[in-house]
Protein backbone atom coordinates (compact mmCIF):
# COMPACT_ATOMS: atom_id res chain seq x y z
CA MET A 1 -0.05 -0.26 -0.47
CA TYR A 2 1.21 3.70 -0.99
CA TYR A 3 1.21 6.17 1.28
CA THR A 4 1.48 9.63 0.69
CA GLN A 5 4.47 11.68 3.01
CA ASN A 6 2.22 14.60 4.32
CA LYS A 7 -0.05 12.88 5.79
CA GLY A 8 0.17 8.54 6.39
CA LEU A 9 -3.07 8.53 3.91
CA PRO A 10 -2.70 5.44 1.77
CA ASN A 11 -2.85 7.14 -2.34
CA VAL A 12 -5.36 5.84 -3.93
CA SER A 13 -5.06 7.91 -7.53
CA THR A 14 -2.83 4.68 -8.74
CA GLY A 15 -4.74 1.80 -7.62
CA ALA A 16 -8.23 4.21 -9.34
CA SER A 17 -6.48 4.57 -12.61
CA ILE A 18 -5.48 0.31 -12.58
CA ALA A 19 -8.79 -0.06 -12.10
CA LEU A 20 -10.54 1.93 -14.76
CA ILE A 21 -8.47 0.83 -17.12
CA PHE A 22 -9.82 -1.96 -16.33
CA LEU A 23 -13.13 -1.09 -16.92
CA ILE A 24 -12.81 0.51 -19.71
CA ILE A 25 -11.05 -2.18 -21.84
CA GLU A 26 -14.20 -4.48 -20.29
CA THR A 27 -16.48 -2.01 -21.94
CA MET A 28 -14.44 -1.71 -25.17
CA PHE A 29 -14.65 -5.97 -24.80
CA VAL A 30 -18.83 -5.95 -24.79
CA ALA A 31 -19.10 -2.84 -27.97
CA ILE A 32 -16.53 -5.14 -29.86
CA VAL A 33 -19.22 -7.90 -29.78
CA PHE A 34 -22.16 -6.34 -29.93
CA LEU A 35 -19.97 -4.10 -33.17
CA ALA A 36 -19.92 -7.89 -34.98
CA LEU A 37 -22.92 -9.15 -33.80
CA PHE A 38 -24.47 -6.18 -35.23
CA GLY A 39 -21.91 -6.27 -39.19
CA ALA A 40 -23.08 -9.85 -39.52
CA MET A 41 -26.16 -9.01 -39.06
CA VAL A 42 -25.83 -6.18 -41.26
CA PHE A 43 -24.09 -8.93 -43.53
CA GLY A 44 -26.64 -11.91 -43.27
CA MET A 45 -29.82 -8.67 -44.64
CA HIS A 46 -26.99 -8.47 -47.57
CA LYS A 47 -27.14 -12.39 -48.53
CA LEU A 48 -31.03 -12.33 -47.60
CA ARG A 49 -31.29 -9.27 -50.03
CA GLY A 50 -29.70 -11.03 -52.98
CA LEU A 51 -31.79 -14.43 -52.32
CA LEU A 52 -34.96 -12.32 -52.04
CA LYS A 53 -34.08 -10.59 -55.31
CA ARG A 54 -34.27 -14.09 -56.82
CA TYR A 55 -37.57 -15.67 -55.05
CA PHE A 56 -39.59 -12.99 -54.36
CA PRO A 57 -41.08 -12.42 -58.21
CA LYS A 58 -41.88 -16.31 -58.09
CA ALA A 59 -43.99 -15.33 -54.57
CA GLN A 60 -45.64 -12.69 -56.51
CA GLN A 61 -46.78 -14.28 -59.29
CA PHE A 62 -47.87 -17.76 -57.28
CA THR A 63 -50.35 -14.64 -54.99
CA ARG A 64 -51.57 -13.22 -58.14
CA GLN A 65 -52.20 -16.62 -59.34
CA VAL A 66 -54.00 -16.86 -55.26
CA TYR A 67 -55.58 -14.49 -55.75
CA THR A 68 -57.25 -14.34 -59.75
CA VAL A 69 -58.78 -18.32 -58.51
CA THR A 70 -60.26 -16.71 -55.05
CA ARG A 71 -61.89 -13.61 -56.81
CA GLN A 72 -62.95 -15.90 -59.84
CA ILE A 73 -64.04 -18.55 -56.91
CA SER A 74 -65.81 -15.81 -55.70
CA ASP A 75 -68.24 -14.36 -57.69
CA LYS A 76 -69.21 -16.97 -58.76
CA VAL A 77 -70.86 -18.48 -55.64
CA ALA A 78 -71.62 -14.71 -55.06
CA ALA A 79 -73.58 -14.71 -58.21
CA PRO A 80 -76.56 -17.06 -57.48
CA PHE A 81 -76.72 -14.59 -54.24
CA VAL A 82 -76.44 -11.22 -55.79
CA TRP A 83 -78.79 -11.65 -58.18
CA VAL A 84 -81.59 -13.68 -56.32
CA ASN A 85 -81.31 -9.99 -54.29
CA GLY A 86 -80.94 -7.97 -57.66
CA ALA A 87 -84.89 -9.93 -58.70
CA ALA A 88 -86.28 -9.37 -55.07
CA ALA A 89 -85.45 -5.73 -55.21
CA ASN A 90 -86.57 -5.53 -58.63
CA ALA A 91 -89.85 -6.94 -57.26
CA GLN A 92 -90.55 -4.81 -54.79
CA ALA A 93 -89.79 -1.85 -57.06
CA THR A 94 -92.25 -2.91 -58.97
CA ALA A 95 -95.18 -3.68 -55.97
CA LYS A 96 -94.46 -0.16 -55.06
CA GLY A 97 -94.82 1.61 -58.15
CA ALA A 98 -98.23 -0.47 -58.86
CA TRP A 99 -99.31 -0.48 -55.37
CA ARG A 100 -98.64 3.54 -56.07
CA ARG A 101 -100.71 3.76 -59.37
CA VAL A 102 -103.89 2.02 -57.62
CA ASN A 103 -104.00 3.83 -54.72
CA ARG A 104 -103.52 7.57 -56.93
CA ASN A 105 -106.24 5.51 -59.16
CA VAL A 106 -108.89 5.00 -56.20
CA SER A 107 -108.01 8.64 -55.04
CA SER A 108 -109.15 10.39 -57.40
């Protein structure tokens, strides 16, 4: 243990400097690990982007085919219901119009 000549207290300056150096080294090691992980992620994303350029058009073509087939099937399934609803609305409008004419002729 180091003592100062004036007061007889231990000299903590050297120990503090050594401890600070070790703390800085540990922090630098952790920072290097995170930097390496970040670099690996960037490299992986670069490689993945290259692979996706090849496969995304195929996936897009597949989803277009699924969309087209789904649209055709849903149109075929919905067509009878739309026709029945339209026919009912047409019949209702015709009946209302006829009823108004009957009521107009009766009241006049």
